[in-house]
Amino acid sequence: MSTFAEFLINGLSLGSVYALIALGFVVIFRATEVVNFAHASLLLAGGYFVAVLHEPLGFWPALAAGTAGAAVVGAAVEFLVMRRHRGADHSVLAIVTIGVDILLATELTRRIGTDILALGDPWGDAVVTLGPVTIAETRIAALLAAALLITAFLLAFRHTSWGVAMRAAAESQETAALMGVRLGRVSLGAWAVAGALAAVAALFLTVFPTPGLERGTALAALKAFPAAILGGLDSTTGALAGGLIVGVTESLATGYQTDLAFLGRGIGDLAPYLVMVAVLLIRPAGLFGTKELARV
């Protein structure tokens, strides 16, 4: 039972980090109706900024600078690339984000090389023992930080003018524009927020028990993509639920991998995608996604 509880807590912690990444996908989709395949590069950029700056600045200033830097990168992508193609088909814009991802990822992997970069976090390899359960402090910090950030975002989404503008744009961009909503400002803010959330997620994906930031860290965004899809790509609540489902599923499948040997090796990496497919077969729009109705 203690083993299950440990896997469950680790899964919830990991899922909360996936929820931050999934929320970035959702924010951009709601603001622009575009699936952002460059999100992995934003995550890698945020982690790289923190890794480079933590020695001269200290951890907390480096984290703030890295978060701001990733937000600036996201805003720059929107302003310099996506805005130039506004009005194009959404599938074309999604392909554009793939090109952006290739450019950013190539430059960042060139800078990182074969190194594994530490981010200088204050938790190290410390653990907390709660009865028979042992949990890394980084996991607890990840859960608390994600809960705080997601709560702050949801409050801002509900009660600020930017949040109201984004919700209006998500309902109908044409109507929102006619009512005076600045779609460019909404889109710019969405990309910046997504970059900032990705930077924080990068931190908790690269601290203990992970050795540090490396070129493959960006692939974590691919695990968060099923979270956004199964939760509903236009639902902020779905991003949270999807992230937790994916995190717990991956943790349990990996932890009990020996008992699931008949399913093949690496089932922990495959399990989130299997869950996504199972959910989409029942609810094509995701658990909390909006169903599109068409008159025929």
C-alpha atoms as a PDB file:
ATOM      1  CA  MET A   1       0.000   0.000   0.000  1.00  0.00           C
ATOM      2  CA  SER A   2       2.878   2.367   0.821  1.00  0.00           C
ATOM      3  CA  THR A   3       4.371   1.674  -2.612  1.00  0.00           C
ATOM      4  CA  PHE A   4       1.084   2.536  -4.312  1.00  0.00           C
ATOM      5  CA  ALA A   5       0.797   5.754  -2.274  1.00  0.00           C
ATOM      6  CA  GLU A   6       4.329   6.739  -3.264  1.00  0.00           C
ATOM      7  CA  PHE A   7       3.620   6.105  -6.946  1.00  0.00           C
ATOM      8  CA  LEU A   8       0.353   8.029  -6.652  1.00  0.00           C
ATOM      9  CA  ILE A   9       1.924  11.093  -5.032  1.00  0.00           C
ATOM     10  CA  ASN A  10       4.768  11.094  -7.535  1.00  0.00           C
ATOM     11  CA  GLY A  11       2.200  10.778 -10.312  1.00  0.00           C
ATOM     12  CA  LEU A  12       0.175  13.721  -9.029  1.00  0.00           C
ATOM     13  CA  SER A  13       3.338  15.811  -8.761  1.00  0.00           C
ATOM     14  CA  LEU A  14       4.448  14.892 -12.265  1.00  0.00           C
ATOM     15  CA  GLY A  15       0.914  15.396 -13.530  1.00  0.00           C
ATOM     16  CA  SER A  16       0.779  18.898 -12.102  1.00  0.00           C
ATOM     17  CA  VAL A  17       3.882  19.766 -14.138  1.00  0.00           C
ATOM     18  CA  TYR A  18       2.298  18.253 -17.241  1.00  0.00           C
ATOM     19  CA  ALA A  19      -0.763  20.359 -16.474  1.00  0.00           C
ATOM     20  CA  LEU A  20       1.371  23.519 -16.651  1.00  0.00           C
ATOM     21  CA  ILE A  21       2.613  22.494 -20.090  1.00  0.00           C
ATOM     22  CA  ALA A  22      -0.857  21.437 -21.245  1.00  0.00           C
ATOM     23  CA  LEU A  23      -2.236  24.757 -20.039  1.00  0.00           C
ATOM     24  CA  GLY A  24       0.208  26.485 -22.385  1.00  0.00           C
ATOM     25  CA  PHE A  25      -1.203  24.504 -25.317  1.00  0.00           C
ATOM     26  CA  VAL A  26      -4.747  25.391 -24.257  1.00  0.00           C
ATOM     27  CA  VAL A  27      -4.075  29.109 -23.722  1.00  0.00           C
ATOM     28  CA  ILE A  28      -2.663  29.562 -27.214  1.00  0.00           C
ATOM     29  CA  PHE A  29      -5.389  27.441 -28.794  1.00  0.00           C
ATOM     30  CA  ARG A  30      -8.155  29.413 -27.096  1.00  0.00           C
ATOM     31  CA  ALA A  31      -6.631  32.728 -28.142  1.00  0.00           C
ATOM     32  CA  THR A  32      -5.728  31.824 -31.734  1.00  0.00           C
ATOM     33  CA  GLU A  33      -7.322  28.419 -32.524  1.00  0.00           C
ATOM     34  CA  VAL A  34      -3.822  27.227 -33.444  1.00  0.00           C
ATOM     35  CA  VAL A  35      -2.103  24.133 -32.041  1.00  0.00           C
ATOM     36  CA  ASN A  36       1.365  25.299 -30.995  1.00  0.00           C
ATOM     37  CA  PHE A  37       3.922  22.641 -31.868  1.00  0.00           C
ATOM     38  CA  ALA A  38       6.718  25.040 -30.854  1.00  0.00           C
ATOM     39  CA  HIS A  39       5.815  24.655 -27.197  1.00  0.00           C
ATOM     40  CA  ALA A  40       8.619  22.150 -26.620  1.00  0.00           C
ATOM     41  CA  SER A  41      11.161  24.769 -27.669  1.00  0.00           C
ATOM     42  CA  LEU A  42       9.683  27.345 -25.293  1.00  0.00           C
ATOM     43  CA  LEU A  43      10.112  24.814 -22.486  1.00  0.00           C
ATOM     44  CA  LEU A  44      13.726  24.145 -23.467  1.00  0.00           C
ATOM     45  CA  ALA A  45      14.447  27.883 -23.759  1.00  0.00           C
ATOM     46  CA  GLY A  46      13.101  28.608 -20.268  1.00  0.00           C
ATOM     47  CA  GLY A  47      15.144  25.807 -18.735  1.00  0.00           C
ATOM     48  CA  TYR A  48      18.271  26.928 -20.593  1.00  0.00           C
ATOM     49  CA  PHE A  49      17.955  30.511 -19.347  1.00  0.00           C
ATOM     50  CA  VAL A  50      17.681  29.322 -15.726  1.00  0.00           C
ATOM     51  CA  ALA A  51      20.622  26.932 -16.145  1.00  0.00           C
ATOM     52  CA  VAL A  52      22.870  29.648 -17.585  1.00  0.00           C
ATOM     53  CA  LEU A  53      21.892  32.389 -15.128  1.00  0.00           C
ATOM     54  CA  HIS A  54      21.685  30.562 -11.790  1.00  0.00           C
ATOM     55  CA  GLU A  55      25.420  30.819 -11.055  1.00  0.00           C
ATOM     56  CA  PRO A  56      25.864  34.582 -11.610  1.00  0.00           C
ATOM     57  CA  LEU A  57      22.437  35.580 -10.266  1.00  0.00           C
ATOM     58  CA  GLY A  58      21.405  32.891  -7.800  1.00  0.00           C
ATOM     59  CA  PHE A  59      18.545  30.471  -8.197  1.00  0.00           C
ATOM     60  CA  TRP A  60      15.470  32.613  -7.516  1.00  0.00           C
ATOM     61  CA  PRO A  61      16.549  35.613  -9.648  1.00  0.00           C
ATOM     62  CA  ALA A  62      17.571  33.165 -12.386  1.00  0.00           C
ATOM     63  CA  LEU A  63      14.168  31.493 -12.218  1.00  0.00           C
ATOM     64  CA  ALA A  64      12.447  34.861 -12.529  1.00  0.00           C
ATOM     65  CA  ALA A  65      14.728  35.857 -15.413  1.00  0.00           C
ATOM     66  CA  GLY A  66      14.259  32.491 -17.125  1.00  0.00           C
ATOM     67  CA  THR A  67      10.493  32.722 -16.819  1.00  0.00           C
ATOM     68  CA  ALA A  68      10.534  36.244 -18.220  1.00  0.00           C
ATOM     69  CA  GLY A  69      12.940  35.181 -20.963  1.00  0.00           C
ATOM     70  CA  ALA A  70      10.714  32.316 -22.085  1.00  0.00           C
ATOM     71  CA  ALA A  71       7.728  34.693 -22.051  1.00  0.00           C
ATOM     72  CA  VAL A  72       9.669  37.121 -24.261  1.00  0.00           C
ATOM     73  CA  VAL A  73      10.607  34.309 -26.662  1.00  0.00           C
ATOM     74  CA  GLY A  74       6.967  33.264 -26.874  1.00  0.00           C
ATOM     75  CA  ALA A  75       5.832  36.850 -27.471  1.00  0.00           C
ATOM     76  CA  ALA A  76       8.551  37.322 -30.099  1.00  0.00           C
ATOM     77  CA  VAL A  77       7.395  34.217 -31.979  1.00  0.00           C
ATOM     78  CA  GLU A  78       3.847  35.572 -32.009  1.00  0.00           C
ATOM     79  CA  PHE A  79       4.842  39.097 -33.044  1.00  0.00           C
ATOM     80  CA  LEU A  80       7.530  38.262 -35.592  1.00  0.00           C
ATOM     81  CA  VAL A  81       6.098  35.084 -37.135  1.00  0.00           C
ATOM     82  CA  MET A  82       2.502  34.218 -36.286  1.00  0.00           C
ATOM     83  CA  ARG A  83       1.114  37.737 -36.627  1.00  0.00           C
ATOM     84  CA  ARG A  84       2.500  37.973 -40.150  1.00  0.00           C
ATOM     85  CA  HIS A  85       0.346  35.007 -41.142  1.00  0.00           C
ATOM     86  CA  ARG A  86      -2.854  36.023 -39.377  1.00  0.00           C
ATOM     87  CA  GLY A  87      -5.887  35.026 -41.392  1.00  0.00           C
ATOM     88  CA  ALA A  88      -4.212  31.952 -42.852  1.00  0.00           C
ATOM     89  CA  ASP A  89      -5.745  28.526 -42.411  1.00  0.00           C
ATOM     90  CA  HIS A  90      -5.216  27.152 -38.904  1.00  0.00           C
ATOM     91  CA  SER A  91      -3.602  23.989 -40.220  1.00  0.00           C
ATOM     92  CA  VAL A  92      -1.086  26.141 -42.097  1.00  0.00           C
ATOM     93  CA  LEU A  93      -0.315  28.095 -38.928  1.00  0.00           C
ATOM     94  CA  ALA A  94       0.206  24.835 -37.042  1.00  0.00           C
ATOM     95  CA  ILE A  95       2.774  23.837 -39.671  1.00  0.00           C
ATOM     96  CA  VAL A  96       4.443  27.226 -39.218  1.00  0.00           C
ATOM     97  CA  THR A  97       4.865  26.469 -35.506  1.00  0.00           C
ATOM     98  CA  ILE A  98       6.614  23.221 -36.475  1.00  0.00           C
ATOM     99  CA  GLY A  99       9.106  25.270 -38.474  1.00  0.00           C
ATOM    100  CA  VAL A 100       9.596  27.635 -35.544  1.00  0.00           C
ATOM    101  CA  ASP A 101      10.161  24.661 -33.258  1.00  0.00           C
ATOM    102  CA  ILE A 102      12.829  23.257 -35.564  1.00  0.00           C
ATOM    103  CA  LEU A 103      14.689  26.585 -35.665  1.00  0.00           C
ATOM    104  CA  LEU A 104      14.567  27.181 -31.910  1.00  0.00           C
ATOM    105  CA  ALA A 105      15.332  23.572 -31.000  1.00  0.00           C
ATOM    106  CA  THR A 106      18.310  23.452 -33.365  1.00  0.00           C
ATOM    107  CA  GLU A 107      19.863  26.566 -31.845  1.00  0.00           C
ATOM    108  CA  LEU A 108      19.215  25.486 -28.255  1.00  0.00           C
ATOM    109  CA  THR A 109      20.531  21.958 -28.755  1.00  0.00           C
ATOM    110  CA  ARG A 110      23.619  23.439 -30.406  1.00  0.00           C
ATOM    111  CA  ARG A 111      24.227  25.543 -27.318  1.00  0.00           C
ATOM    112  CA  ILE A 112      23.539  22.717 -24.861  1.00  0.00           C
ATOM    113  CA  GLY A 113      25.484  20.119 -26.836  1.00  0.00           C
ATOM    114  CA  THR A 114      26.059  16.892 -24.959  1.00  0.00           C
ATOM    115  CA  ASP A 115      26.142  18.613 -21.564  1.00  0.00           C
ATOM    116  CA  ILE A 116      23.667  18.062 -18.747  1.00  0.00           C
ATOM    117  CA  LEU A 117      23.019  21.440 -17.151  1.00  0.00           C
ATOM    118  CA  ALA A 118      22.117  21.889 -13.503  1.00  0.00           C
ATOM    119  CA  LEU A 119      19.531  24.542 -12.630  1.00  0.00           C
ATOM    120  CA  GLY A 120      20.839  25.201  -9.119  1.00  0.00           C
ATOM    121  CA  ASP A 121      17.590  24.438  -7.315  1.00  0.00           C
ATOM    122  CA  PRO A 122      17.675  24.696  -3.494  1.00  0.00           C
ATOM    123  CA  TRP A 123      16.052  21.294  -2.842  1.00  0.00           C
ATOM    124  CA  GLY A 124      18.832  19.039  -4.114  1.00  0.00           C
ATOM    125  CA  ASP A 125      18.229  15.358  -3.395  1.00  0.00           C
ATOM    126  CA  ALA A 126      16.435  15.943  -0.076  1.00  0.00           C
ATOM    127  CA  VAL A 127      13.456  13.720   0.673  1.00  0.00           C
ATOM    128  CA  VAL A 128      10.503  13.871   3.054  1.00  0.00           C
ATOM    129  CA  THR A 129       9.341  10.780   4.919  1.00  0.00           C
ATOM    130  CA  LEU A 130       5.638  10.576   5.696  1.00  0.00           C
ATOM    131  CA  GLY A 131       5.189   7.317   7.553  1.00  0.00           C
ATOM    132  CA  PRO A 132       6.099   4.520   5.143  1.00  0.00           C
ATOM    133  CA  VAL A 133       6.106   6.876   2.141  1.00  0.00           C
ATOM    134  CA  THR A 134       9.259   8.683   0.987  1.00  0.00           C
ATOM    135  CA  ILE A 135       8.838  11.625  -1.393  1.00  0.00           C
ATOM    136  CA  ALA A 136      11.480  13.906  -2.897  1.00  0.00           C
ATOM    137  CA  GLU A 137      11.163  17.539  -1.816  1.00  0.00           C
ATOM    138  CA  THR A 138      11.279  18.535  -5.477  1.00  0.00           C
ATOM    139  CA  ARG A 139       8.060  16.583  -6.065  1.00  0.00           C
ATOM    140  CA  ILE A 140       6.295  18.391  -3.242  1.00  0.00           C
ATOM    141  CA  ALA A 141       7.601  21.756  -4.477  1.00  0.00           C
ATOM    142  CA  ALA A 142       6.385  20.938  -7.990  1.00  0.00           C
ATOM    143  CA  LEU A 143       2.904  20.094  -6.742  1.00  0.00           C
ATOM    144  CA  LEU A 144       2.628  23.255  -4.658  1.00  0.00           C
ATOM    145  CA  ALA A 145       4.068  25.541  -7.328  1.00  0.00           C
ATOM    146  CA  ALA A 146       1.818  24.117 -10.025  1.00  0.00           C
ATOM    147  CA  ALA A 147      -1.254  24.415  -7.805  1.00  0.00           C
ATOM    148  CA  LEU A 148      -0.393  28.065  -7.061  1.00  0.00           C
ATOM    149  CA  LEU A 149       0.269  28.995 -10.694  1.00  0.00           C
ATOM    150  CA  ILE A 150      -2.791  27.208 -12.072  1.00  0.00           C
ATOM    151  CA  THR A 151      -5.012  28.807  -9.432  1.00  0.00           C
ATOM    152  CA  ALA A 152      -3.570  32.253 -10.204  1.00  0.00           C
ATOM    153  CA  PHE A 153      -4.109  31.714 -13.917  1.00  0.00           C
ATOM    154  CA  LEU A 154      -7.704  30.554 -13.502  1.00  0.00           C
ATOM    155  CA  LEU A 155      -8.486  33.574 -11.315  1.00  0.00           C
ATOM    156  CA  ALA A 156      -6.902  35.910 -13.861  1.00  0.00           C
ATOM    157  CA  PHE A 157      -8.734  34.115 -16.658  1.00  0.00           C
ATOM    158  CA  ARG A 158     -12.068  34.679 -14.904  1.00  0.00           C
ATOM    159  CA  HIS A 159     -11.656  38.132 -13.384  1.00  0.00           C
ATOM    160  CA  THR A 160      -9.241  40.231 -15.462  1.00  0.00           C
ATOM    161  CA  SER A 161      -9.882  42.160 -18.663  1.00  0.00           C
ATOM    162  CA  TRP A 162      -7.304  40.021 -20.461  1.00  0.00           C
ATOM    163  CA  GLY A 163      -9.117  36.860 -19.402  1.00  0.00           C
ATOM    164  CA  VAL A 164     -12.479  38.257 -20.506  1.00  0.00           C
ATOM    165  CA  ALA A 165     -10.944  39.251 -23.853  1.00  0.00           C
ATOM    166  CA  MET A 166      -9.491  35.767 -24.314  1.00  0.00           C
ATOM    167  CA  ARG A 167     -12.810  34.113 -23.521  1.00  0.00           C
ATOM    168  CA  ALA A 168     -14.532  36.426 -25.999  1.00  0.00           C
ATOM    169  CA  ALA A 169     -11.947  35.632 -28.675  1.00  0.00           C
ATOM    170  CA  ALA A 170     -12.372  31.917 -28.004  1.00  0.00           C
ATOM    171  CA  GLU A 171     -16.130  32.192 -28.603  1.00  0.00           C
ATOM    172  CA  SER A 172     -15.847  34.168 -31.854  1.00  0.00           C
ATOM    173  CA  GLN A 173     -12.836  36.145 -32.993  1.00  0.00           C
ATOM    174  CA  GLU A 174     -14.819  38.139 -35.529  1.00  0.00           C
ATOM    175  CA  THR A 175     -17.470  39.181 -33.009  1.00  0.00           C
ATOM    176  CA  ALA A 176     -14.823  39.954 -30.371  1.00  0.00           C
ATOM    177  CA  ALA A 177     -12.960  42.183 -32.820  1.00  0.00           C
ATOM    178  CA  LEU A 178     -16.170  44.031 -33.685  1.00  0.00           C
ATOM    179  CA  MET A 179     -16.767  44.605 -29.961  1.00  0.00           C
ATOM    180  CA  GLY A 180     -13.371  46.246 -29.582  1.00  0.00           C
ATOM    181  CA  VAL A 181     -11.245  43.326 -28.380  1.00  0.00           C
ATOM    182  CA  ARG A 182      -7.660  43.653 -29.590  1.00  0.00           C
ATOM    183  CA  LEU A 183      -6.967  40.194 -30.916  1.00  0.00           C
ATOM    184  CA  GLY A 184      -3.278  40.935 -31.398  1.00  0.00           C
ATOM    185  CA  ARG A 185      -2.865  41.847 -27.750  1.00  0.00           C
ATOM    186  CA  VAL A 186      -4.770  38.744 -26.654  1.00  0.00           C
ATOM    187  CA  SER A 187      -2.621  36.510 -28.858  1.00  0.00           C
ATOM    188  CA  LEU A 188       0.605  38.164 -27.693  1.00  0.00           C
ATOM    189  CA  GLY A 189      -0.383  37.712 -24.057  1.00  0.00           C
ATOM    190  CA  ALA A 190      -1.301  34.065 -24.641  1.00  0.00           C
ATOM    191  CA  TRP A 191       2.088  33.238 -26.147  1.00  0.00           C
ATOM    192  CA  ALA A 192       3.876  35.060 -23.334  1.00  0.00           C
ATOM    193  CA  VAL A 193       1.891  33.228 -20.635  1.00  0.00           C
ATOM    194  CA  ALA A 194       2.502  29.888 -22.351  1.00  0.00           C
ATOM    195  CA  GLY A 195       6.240  30.577 -22.424  1.00  0.00           C
ATOM    196  CA  ALA A 196       6.315  31.511 -18.738  1.00  0.00           C
ATOM    197  CA  LEU A 197       4.399  28.372 -17.718  1.00  0.00           C
ATOM    198  CA  ALA A 198       6.726  26.246 -19.851  1.00  0.00           C
ATOM    199  CA  ALA A 199       9.785  27.705 -18.107  1.00  0.00           C
ATOM    200  CA  VAL A 200       8.479  26.753 -14.661  1.00  0.00           C
ATOM    201  CA  ALA A 201       7.589  23.293 -15.945  1.00  0.00           C
ATOM    202  CA  ALA A 202      11.121  22.925 -17.342  1.00  0.00           C
ATOM    203  CA  LEU A 203      12.534  23.533 -13.869  1.00  0.00           C
ATOM    204  CA  PHE A 204      10.577  20.732 -12.220  1.00  0.00           C
ATOM    205  CA  LEU A 205      11.211  18.350 -15.108  1.00  0.00           C
ATOM    206  CA  THR A 206      14.989  18.710 -14.704  1.00  0.00           C
ATOM    207  CA  VAL A 207      15.505  18.665 -10.932  1.00  0.00           C
ATOM    208  CA  PHE A 208      16.014  15.577  -8.749  1.00  0.00           C
ATOM    209  CA  PRO A 209      15.581  12.706  -9.517  1.00  0.00           C
ATOM    210  CA  THR A 210      16.312  13.859 -13.081  1.00  0.00           C
ATOM    211  CA  PRO A 211      20.030  14.645 -13.606  1.00  0.00           C
ATOM    212  CA  GLY A 212      19.427  18.034 -15.229  1.00  0.00           C
ATOM    213  CA  LEU A 213      18.590  19.886 -18.436  1.00  0.00           C
ATOM    214  CA  GLU A 214      19.603  18.159 -21.655  1.00  0.00           C
ATOM    215  CA  ARG A 215      18.625  18.199 -25.285  1.00  0.00           C
ATOM    216  CA  GLY A 216      15.934  15.596 -24.785  1.00  0.00           C
ATOM    217  CA  THR A 217      14.138  17.603 -22.101  1.00  0.00           C
ATOM    218  CA  ALA A 218      11.935  19.184 -24.753  1.00  0.00           C
ATOM    219  CA  LEU A 219      10.410  15.779 -25.451  1.00  0.00           C
ATOM    220  CA  ALA A 220       8.521  16.109 -22.153  1.00  0.00           C
ATOM    221  CA  ALA A 221       6.193  18.501 -23.944  1.00  0.00           C
ATOM    222  CA  LEU A 222       5.130  15.583 -26.134  1.00  0.00           C
ATOM    223  CA  LYS A 223       3.907  13.778 -22.994  1.00  0.00           C
ATOM    224  CA  ALA A 224       1.900  16.832 -22.019  1.00  0.00           C
ATOM    225  CA  PHE A 225       0.262  16.993 -25.434  1.00  0.00           C
ATOM    226  CA  PRO A 226      -1.951  13.946 -24.694  1.00  0.00           C
ATOM    227  CA  ALA A 227      -2.951  15.725 -21.470  1.00  0.00           C
ATOM    228  CA  ALA A 228      -4.198  18.727 -23.425  1.00  0.00           C
ATOM    229  CA  ILE A 229      -5.961  16.539 -25.991  1.00  0.00           C
ATOM    230  CA  LEU A 230      -7.752  14.175 -23.611  1.00  0.00           C
ATOM    231  CA  GLY A 231      -8.747  17.028 -21.323  1.00  0.00           C
ATOM    232  CA  GLY A 232     -10.050  19.102 -24.224  1.00  0.00           C
ATOM    233  CA  LEU A 233      -7.836  21.452 -26.210  1.00  0.00           C
ATOM    234  CA  ASP A 234     -10.115  24.423 -25.537  1.00  0.00           C
ATOM    235  CA  SER A 235     -10.620  23.756 -21.815  1.00  0.00           C
ATOM    236  CA  THR A 236      -8.410  25.169 -19.055  1.00  0.00           C
ATOM    237  CA  THR A 237     -10.037  22.799 -16.570  1.00  0.00           C
ATOM    238  CA  GLY A 238      -9.354  19.961 -18.981  1.00  0.00           C
ATOM    239  CA  ALA A 239      -5.645  20.829 -19.021  1.00  0.00           C
ATOM    240  CA  LEU A 240      -5.498  20.342 -15.259  1.00  0.00           C
ATOM    241  CA  ALA A 241      -7.486  17.105 -15.318  1.00  0.00           C
ATOM    242  CA  GLY A 242      -5.584  15.769 -18.315  1.00  0.00           C
ATOM    243  CA  GLY A 243      -2.216  16.555 -16.759  1.00  0.00           C
ATOM    244  CA  LEU A 244      -3.075  14.721 -13.557  1.00  0.00           C
ATOM    245  CA  ILE A 245      -4.462  11.717 -15.452  1.00  0.00           C
ATOM    246  CA  VAL A 246      -1.363  11.459 -17.623  1.00  0.00           C
ATOM    247  CA  GLY A 247       1.010  11.905 -14.680  1.00  0.00           C
ATOM    248  CA  VAL A 248      -0.666   9.273 -12.511  1.00  0.00           C
ATOM    249  CA  THR A 249      -0.988   6.871 -15.447  1.00  0.00           C
ATOM    250  CA  GLU A 250       2.693   7.212 -16.342  1.00  0.00           C
ATOM    251  CA  SER A 251       3.828   6.868 -12.722  1.00  0.00           C
ATOM    252  CA  LEU A 252       1.754   3.762 -12.032  1.00  0.00           C
ATOM    253  CA  ALA A 253       2.604   2.101 -15.346  1.00  0.00           C
ATOM    254  CA  THR A 254       6.308   2.736 -14.810  1.00  0.00           C
ATOM    255  CA  GLY A 255       6.227   1.701 -11.149  1.00  0.00           C
ATOM    256  CA  TYR A 256       4.424  -1.574 -11.857  1.00  0.00           C
ATOM    257  CA  GLN A 257       6.252  -2.227 -15.111  1.00  0.00           C
ATOM    258  CA  THR A 258       7.518  -5.619 -13.947  1.00  0.00           C
ATOM    259  CA  ASP A 259       3.939  -6.717 -13.297  1.00  0.00           C
ATOM    260  CA  LEU A 260       2.937  -5.454 -16.737  1.00  0.00           C
ATOM    261  CA  ALA A 261       5.795  -7.154 -18.575  1.00  0.00           C
ATOM    262  CA  PHE A 262       3.298  -8.930 -20.850  1.00  0.00           C
ATOM    263  CA  LEU A 263       2.500  -5.519 -22.369  1.00  0.00           C
ATOM    264  CA  GLY A 264       6.116  -5.004 -23.395  1.00  0.00           C
ATOM    265  CA  ARG A 265       8.933  -2.790 -22.160  1.00  0.00           C
ATOM    266  CA  GLY A 266       8.517   0.957 -21.893  1.00  0.00           C
ATOM    267  CA  ILE A 267       4.801   0.775 -21.157  1.00  0.00           C
ATOM    268  CA  GLY A 268       5.142   3.816 -18.884  1.00  0.00           C
ATOM    269  CA  ASP A 269       6.013   6.026 -21.863  1.00  0.00           C
ATOM    270  CA  LEU A 270       3.239   4.557 -23.992  1.00  0.00           C
ATOM    271  CA  ALA A 271       0.475   4.535 -21.359  1.00  0.00           C
ATOM    272  CA  PRO A 272      -0.491   8.263 -21.649  1.00  0.00           C
ATOM    273  CA  TYR A 273      -1.095   7.861 -25.375  1.00  0.00           C
ATOM    274  CA  LEU A 274      -3.168   4.736 -24.829  1.00  0.00           C
ATOM    275  CA  VAL A 275      -5.322   6.642 -22.320  1.00  0.00           C
ATOM    276  CA  MET A 276      -5.673   9.525 -24.779  1.00  0.00           C
ATOM    277  CA  VAL A 277      -6.854   7.223 -27.555  1.00  0.00           C
ATOM    278  CA  ALA A 278      -9.295   5.461 -25.205  1.00  0.00           C
ATOM    279  CA  VAL A 279     -10.807   8.785 -24.109  1.00  0.00           C
ATOM    280  CA  LEU A 280     -11.062  10.127 -27.660  1.00  0.00           C
ATOM    281  CA  LEU A 281     -12.900   7.011 -28.792  1.00  0.00           C
ATOM    282  CA  ILE A 282     -15.605   7.820 -26.244  1.00  0.00           C
ATOM    283  CA  ARG A 283     -15.426  11.625 -26.240  1.00  0.00           C
ATOM    284  CA  PRO A 284     -13.818  12.946 -29.450  1.00  0.00           C
ATOM    285  CA  ALA A 285     -13.683  16.495 -28.044  1.00  0.00           C
ATOM    286  CA  GLY A 286     -11.934  15.360 -24.854  1.00  0.00           C
ATOM    287  CA  LEU A 287     -13.262  15.143 -21.319  1.00  0.00           C
ATOM    288  CA  PHE A 288     -14.074  18.861 -21.036  1.00  0.00           C
ATOM    289  CA  GLY A 289     -13.766  19.985 -24.652  1.00  0.00           C
ATOM    290  CA  THR A 290     -16.516  21.833 -26.462  1.00  0.00           C
ATOM    291  CA  LYS A 291     -18.480  19.769 -28.927  1.00  0.00           C
ATOM    292  CA  GLU A 292     -18.868  21.453 -32.285  1.00  0.00           C
ATOM    293  CA  LEU A 293     -22.352  21.240 -33.711  1.00  0.00           C
ATOM    294  CA  ALA A 294     -22.999  21.421 -37.442  1.00  0.00           C
ATOM    295  CA  ARG A 295     -26.354  21.751 -39.180  1.00  0.00           C
ATOM    296  CA  VAL A 296     -26.781  19.147 -41.908  1.00  0.00           C
END
